[in-house]
Protein backbone atom coordinates (compact mmCIF):
# COMPACT_ATOMS: atom_id res chain seq x y z
CA MET A 1 -82.23 16.46 36.35
CA ILE A 2 -78.85 17.68 37.65
CA ARG A 3 -77.92 16.17 41.03
CA VAL A 4 -75.75 18.36 43.26
CA ALA A 5 -74.30 17.13 46.56
CA PHE A 6 -73.70 19.60 49.39
CA GLN A 7 -72.67 19.41 53.03
CA GLY A 8 -75.43 20.19 55.48
CA GLU A 9 -79.20 20.08 55.75
CA PRO A 10 -81.75 21.56 53.33
CA GLY A 11 -81.67 25.33 53.68
CA ALA A 12 -77.89 25.50 54.16
CA ASN A 13 -75.74 28.11 52.44
CA SER A 14 -74.14 25.40 50.31
CA GLU A 15 -77.56 24.44 48.97
CA ALA A 16 -78.28 28.11 48.25
CA ALA A 17 -75.01 28.30 46.31
CA ALA A 18 -76.03 25.23 44.29
CA LEU A 19 -79.41 26.73 43.42
CA LYS A 20 -77.78 30.04 42.51
CA HIS A 21 -75.18 28.37 40.28
CA PHE A 22 -77.35 25.84 38.45
CA GLY A 23 -80.78 27.38 38.77
CA GLU A 24 -83.88 25.26 39.15
CA PRO A 25 -84.90 22.52 38.63
CA VAL A 26 -81.96 20.83 40.33
CA GLU A 27 -81.90 17.93 42.79
CA THR A 28 -79.85 18.89 45.84
CA ILE A 29 -78.44 16.01 47.90
CA PRO A 30 -77.69 16.74 51.57
CA CYS A 31 -74.55 15.11 52.99
CA GLU A 32 -73.63 14.78 56.65
CA ASN A 33 -70.00 15.75 56.06
CA PHE A 34 -67.51 16.70 53.34
CA ASP A 35 -66.13 13.15 53.01
CA VAL A 36 -69.57 11.81 52.11
CA MET A 37 -70.10 14.69 49.67
CA PHE A 38 -66.90 13.89 47.78
CA GLU A 39 -67.67 10.16 47.78
CA ARG A 40 -71.13 10.67 46.30
CA VAL A 41 -69.72 12.48 43.29
CA THR A 42 -66.85 10.01 42.94
CA ARG A 43 -69.26 7.02 42.97
CA GLY A 44 -71.76 8.67 40.62
CA ALA A 45 -74.52 9.17 43.22
CA ALA A 46 -74.33 12.89 42.36
CA ASP A 47 -73.26 14.74 39.21
CA TYR A 48 -71.59 17.64 41.01
CA SER A 49 -70.66 18.84 44.47
CA MET A 50 -70.89 22.41 45.73
CA THR A 51 -67.69 22.58 47.78
CA PRO A 52 -66.89 25.58 50.01
CA ILE A 53 -63.20 26.37 49.71
CA GLU A 54 -62.67 29.79 51.34
CA ASN A 55 -64.48 32.51 53.23
CA THR A 56 -63.57 36.19 53.33
CA LEU A 57 -63.71 36.24 57.15
CA ALA A 58 -62.78 32.71 58.25
CA GLY A 59 -60.20 32.03 55.52
CA SER A 60 -59.51 28.69 53.83
CA ILE A 61 -61.69 25.66 54.50
CA ILE A 62 -58.76 23.32 55.02
CA PRO A 63 -60.47 19.88 54.97
CA ASN A 64 -61.60 20.45 51.39
CA PHE A 65 -58.08 21.14 50.14
CA ASP A 66 -57.03 17.75 51.51
CA LEU A 67 -60.09 16.04 50.01
CA LEU A 68 -59.34 17.60 46.62
CA ALA A 69 -55.93 15.94 46.70
CA ARG A 70 -57.36 12.56 47.73
CA HIS A 71 -60.10 12.31 45.09
CA ASN A 72 -59.89 12.20 41.32
CA LEU A 73 -62.42 14.96 40.71
CA HIS A 74 -62.20 18.04 38.50
CA VAL A 75 -63.09 21.68 39.15
CA VAL A 76 -65.62 22.74 36.50
CA GLY A 77 -66.96 25.96 38.02
CA GLU A 78 -67.06 28.27 40.99
CA GLU A 79 -69.71 30.29 42.78
CA ILE A 80 -69.48 33.17 45.26
CA LEU A 81 -72.28 33.53 47.80
CA HIS A 82 -72.93 36.48 50.08
CA ILE A 83 -73.36 34.99 53.56
CA GLU A 84 -76.11 36.56 55.66
CA HIS A 85 -77.06 35.35 59.14
CA PHE A 86 -80.62 35.40 60.52
CA LEU A 87 -81.89 34.75 64.04
CA ILE A 88 -84.58 32.08 63.71
CA ALA A 89 -86.96 30.65 66.31
CA ALA A 90 -90.28 28.84 66.63
CA PRO A 91 -93.46 30.78 65.86
CA GLY A 92 -94.53 32.97 68.76
CA ILE A 93 -91.09 33.22 70.35
CA LYS A 94 -89.90 36.73 71.29
CA LEU A 95 -86.37 38.03 71.77
CA THR A 96 -87.00 38.26 75.52
CA ASP A 97 -87.65 34.49 75.64
CA ILE A 98 -84.22 33.55 74.31
CA ARG A 99 -81.48 32.24 76.60
CA THR A 100 -79.42 30.13 74.15
CA VAL A 101 -78.44 30.45 70.50
CA ILE A 102 -77.57 27.38 68.42
CA SER A 103 -75.51 27.24 65.22
CA GLN A 104 -72.37 26.01 63.49
CA PRO A 105 -69.25 27.40 65.25
CA PRO A 106 -68.16 29.65 62.33
CA ALA A 107 -71.62 31.26 62.24
CA LEU A 108 -71.54 31.84 65.99
CA ALA A 109 -68.08 33.40 65.65
CA GLN A 110 -69.26 35.68 62.84
CA CYS A 111 -72.05 37.01 65.11
CA GLU A 112 -69.83 37.33 68.21
CA HIS A 113 -70.50 41.00 68.94
CA TYR A 114 -74.24 40.62 68.44
CA LEU A 115 -74.41 37.63 70.81
CA ARG A 116 -72.10 39.10 73.44
CA ALA A 117 -74.18 42.29 73.69
CA ARG A 118 -77.24 40.19 74.58
CA GLY A 119 -75.50 37.81 76.95
CA TRP A 120 -76.93 34.67 75.37
CA GLU A 121 -75.35 31.24 75.78
CA ARG A 122 -74.01 29.56 72.63
CA GLU A 123 -74.53 25.96 71.64
CA ALA A 124 -72.59 24.39 68.74
CA ALA A 125 -74.36 22.43 65.99
CA TYR A 126 -73.04 20.56 62.94
CA ASP A 127 -74.65 22.90 60.40
CA THR A 128 -76.47 26.24 60.24
CA ALA A 129 -79.66 24.88 58.65
CA GLY A 130 -79.24 21.77 60.79
CA SER A 131 -79.45 23.95 63.90
CA VAL A 132 -82.91 25.11 62.81
CA LYS A 133 -83.93 21.51 62.16
CA LEU A 134 -82.69 20.48 65.62
CA LEU A 135 -84.40 23.45 67.27
CA LYS A 136 -87.75 22.59 65.71
CA ALA A 137 -87.44 18.93 66.68
CA SER A 138 -86.59 19.84 70.27
CA GLY A 139 -89.61 22.10 70.74
CA ARG A 140 -87.50 24.47 72.83
CA ARG A 141 -89.06 27.84 73.62
CA ASP A 142 -85.95 29.44 75.15
CA ALA A 143 -83.59 29.07 72.18
CA ALA A 144 -83.01 30.43 68.69
CA ALA A 145 -80.77 29.40 65.80
CA ILE A 146 -78.48 31.32 63.45
CA ALA A 147 -78.98 30.20 59.86
CA PRO A 148 -79.74 31.40 56.31
CA ARG A 149 -83.13 32.93 55.55
CA ARG A 150 -84.22 29.89 53.52
CA ALA A 151 -83.87 27.59 56.55
CA ALA A 152 -86.79 29.39 58.23
CA ASP A 153 -89.01 28.62 55.24
CA VAL A 154 -87.85 25.00 54.95
CA TYR A 155 -88.60 24.18 58.59
CA GLY A 156 -91.62 26.41 59.20
CA MET A 157 -89.88 28.73 61.65
CA GLU A 158 -89.81 32.52 61.98
CA ILE A 159 -87.09 35.14 61.55
CA LEU A 160 -86.67 37.31 64.64
CA GLU A 161 -83.82 39.51 63.35
CA SER A 162 -82.04 39.83 60.03
CA ASN A 163 -78.40 40.38 59.09
CA ILE A 164 -76.99 39.90 62.58
CA GLU A 165 -73.44 39.22 61.33
CA ASP A 166 -70.70 41.50 62.69
CA ASN A 167 -69.24 42.12 59.22
CA ALA A 168 -71.45 42.44 56.16
CA GLU A 169 -68.52 41.76 53.78
CA ASN A 170 -68.90 38.02 54.30
CA TYR A 171 -68.57 35.88 51.17
CA THR A 172 -67.89 32.20 50.63
CA ARG A 173 -66.30 30.87 47.47
CA PHE A 174 -67.44 27.43 46.33
CA LEU A 175 -65.85 25.06 43.82
CA VAL A 176 -68.10 22.98 41.58
CA LEU A 177 -66.60 19.48 41.27
CA ALA A 178 -67.40 16.79 38.71
CA ARG A 179 -65.96 13.50 37.47
CA GLU A 180 -64.93 14.91 34.07
CA PRO A 181 -63.13 18.18 33.18
CA ILE A 182 -64.49 20.87 30.88
CA GLU A 183 -63.01 23.32 28.39
CA PRO A 184 -64.30 26.65 29.76
CA LYS A 185 -65.35 29.92 28.20
CA PRO A 186 -63.63 33.14 29.39
CA PRO A 187 -62.99 34.68 31.84
CA TYR A 188 -60.80 31.78 32.94
CA LYS A 189 -59.50 30.40 36.18
CA THR A 190 -57.40 27.28 36.83
CA SER A 191 -56.70 25.42 40.09
CA ILE A 192 -53.58 23.31 40.56
CA VAL A 193 -51.45 21.68 43.27
CA PHE A 194 -47.70 21.10 43.13
CA THR A 195 -44.73 20.10 45.25
CA LEU A 196 -41.14 21.35 45.18
CA LYS A 197 -37.71 20.30 46.33
CA ASN A 198 -36.81 22.10 49.55
CA THR A 199 -34.12 24.32 48.05
CA PRO A 200 -33.52 28.10 48.30
CA GLY A 201 -35.70 30.10 45.93
CA ALA A 202 -37.79 27.11 44.79
CA LEU A 203 -41.16 28.74 45.46
CA PHE A 204 -39.99 32.04 43.98
CA LYS A 205 -38.99 30.26 40.77
CA ALA A 206 -42.32 28.41 40.65
CA LEU A 207 -44.37 31.58 41.00
CA SER A 208 -42.21 33.47 38.54
CA VAL A 209 -43.53 31.37 35.63
CA PHE A 210 -46.82 33.24 36.07
CA ALA A 211 -45.29 36.68 36.64
CA LEU A 212 -43.24 36.33 33.43
CA ARG A 213 -46.48 35.88 31.49
CA ASP A 214 -48.54 38.53 33.35
CA ILE A 215 -50.90 35.88 34.74
CA ASP A 216 -52.79 36.94 37.86
CA LEU A 217 -52.63 34.67 40.91
CA THR A 218 -55.75 34.80 43.10
CA LYS A 219 -55.04 32.18 45.77
CA ILE A 220 -52.14 30.22 47.25
CA GLU A 221 -52.39 27.74 50.11
CA SER A 222 -49.79 25.38 51.56
CA ARG A 223 -50.63 22.05 53.19
CA PRO A 224 -48.25 19.59 54.90
CA ILE A 225 -47.48 16.38 53.02
CA PRO A 226 -48.47 13.36 55.18
CA GLY A 227 -45.41 11.29 56.07
CA SER A 228 -42.95 14.00 54.98
CA PRO A 229 -42.33 16.36 57.92
CA TRP A 230 -41.80 20.03 56.98
CA GLU A 231 -42.59 19.42 53.32
CA TYR A 232 -45.62 21.00 51.69
CA SER A 233 -48.03 20.89 48.78
CA PHE A 234 -48.90 24.27 47.27
CA TYR A 235 -52.43 24.89 46.01
CA LEU A 236 -52.68 27.71 43.50
CA ASP A 237 -55.41 29.48 41.52
CA PHE A 238 -54.51 31.60 38.50
CA CYS A 239 -56.46 33.50 35.87
CA GLU A 240 -55.84 31.56 32.69
CA SER A 241 -56.93 28.28 31.09
CA VAL A 242 -54.85 25.18 30.38
CA TYR A 243 -56.56 25.17 26.97
CA GLN A 244 -55.01 28.54 26.06
CA GLU A 245 -51.38 28.85 24.91
CA ARG A 246 -50.37 31.23 27.69
CA GLY A 247 -51.71 28.95 30.41
CA ARG A 248 -50.29 25.83 28.74
CA ARG A 249 -46.81 27.36 28.46
CA ALA A 250 -46.90 28.48 32.10
CA LEU A 251 -47.69 24.96 33.25
CA ASP A 252 -45.04 23.43 30.98
CA HIS A 253 -42.51 25.80 32.53
CA LEU A 254 -43.79 25.02 36.03
CA GLY A 255 -43.43 21.30 35.35
CA GLU A 256 -39.69 21.82 34.84
CA ILE A 257 -39.39 23.20 38.39
CA THR A 258 -41.81 21.10 40.44
CA THR A 259 -41.47 17.52 41.65
CA THR A 260 -45.21 16.85 41.17
CA LEU A 261 -47.91 18.87 39.43
CA ARG A 262 -51.64 18.19 39.18
CA VAL A 263 -54.27 20.31 37.43
CA PHE A 264 -57.66 20.18 39.13
CA GLY A 265 -59.29 21.96 36.23
CA SER A 266 -59.89 25.13 34.25
CA TYR A 267 -63.30 26.72 34.62
CA PRO A 268 -65.25 29.98 34.16
CA ARG A 269 -64.26 32.59 36.70
CA ALA A 270 -67.09 33.72 39.00
CA THR A 271 -68.15 37.30 39.61
CA TRP A 272 -69.38 39.03 42.75
CA ASN A 273 -70.82 42.53 43.07
CA GLY A 274 -70.28 42.76 39.33
CA LYS A 275 -66.52 42.14 39.65
CA ASN A 276 -64.36 39.14 38.88
CA ASP A 277 -63.31 37.08 41.87
CA GLY A 278 -59.86 37.81 43.29
CA MET A 279 -57.58 40.80 43.47
CA GLY A 280 -54.75 39.49 41.35
CA ALA A 281 -51.10 39.29 42.27
């Protein structure tokens, strides 16, 4: 059986993404944080990790870019999950009983208008599904949690209100990581990281290797290099495969410009709402 590590408790969005991507049966392995999740795949305690990398409202999930650089894992797939937030409480609780709402800070932020209109206090938890687990264990009758629908089923709780997020266009993109790379089927995507000398036009020249070959770029992120003030690593996603001539030539050209270049992997490009991920650039 496939073993997939994810951050959070059973019922979390990351677990839902794993079940969506791999289907069932699959063994999902909860991890208390992202470091543990990466380590479990690296050590062989899991076959894959379902790693959130960006959200359409909150932006990039920065810790996972840094962990990608620190571990020798490969991107072998991606998944896009529509994030929906549900107000969950113990059986018998009514909306008028609630004084406090518990959840992970990003989930609380994504329901800001809903919470503010009701005047409820907010309480931060380490995970959305974990907030439901904590709420059940506490036995509190004056609190509710914000979490995915599945968390209510997992912990025997009830949904008081559905889709309470302020913006319905809320999607999270996940990377599927493994110890070995794959040669993907189309449509393709590739993730890389590179560094450059700090000279005028260096980034322009680096990105031009893709423009010259009409290769779409879907994501670019810069991260500071530890120990090298004001120098950066550039993480890039583009719509081609290193196993295809066009992608291979682009990376060969890029290698002539960069000081370091690492390919995380080429993998099948995900779709959402029937469209390929990313707008292109």
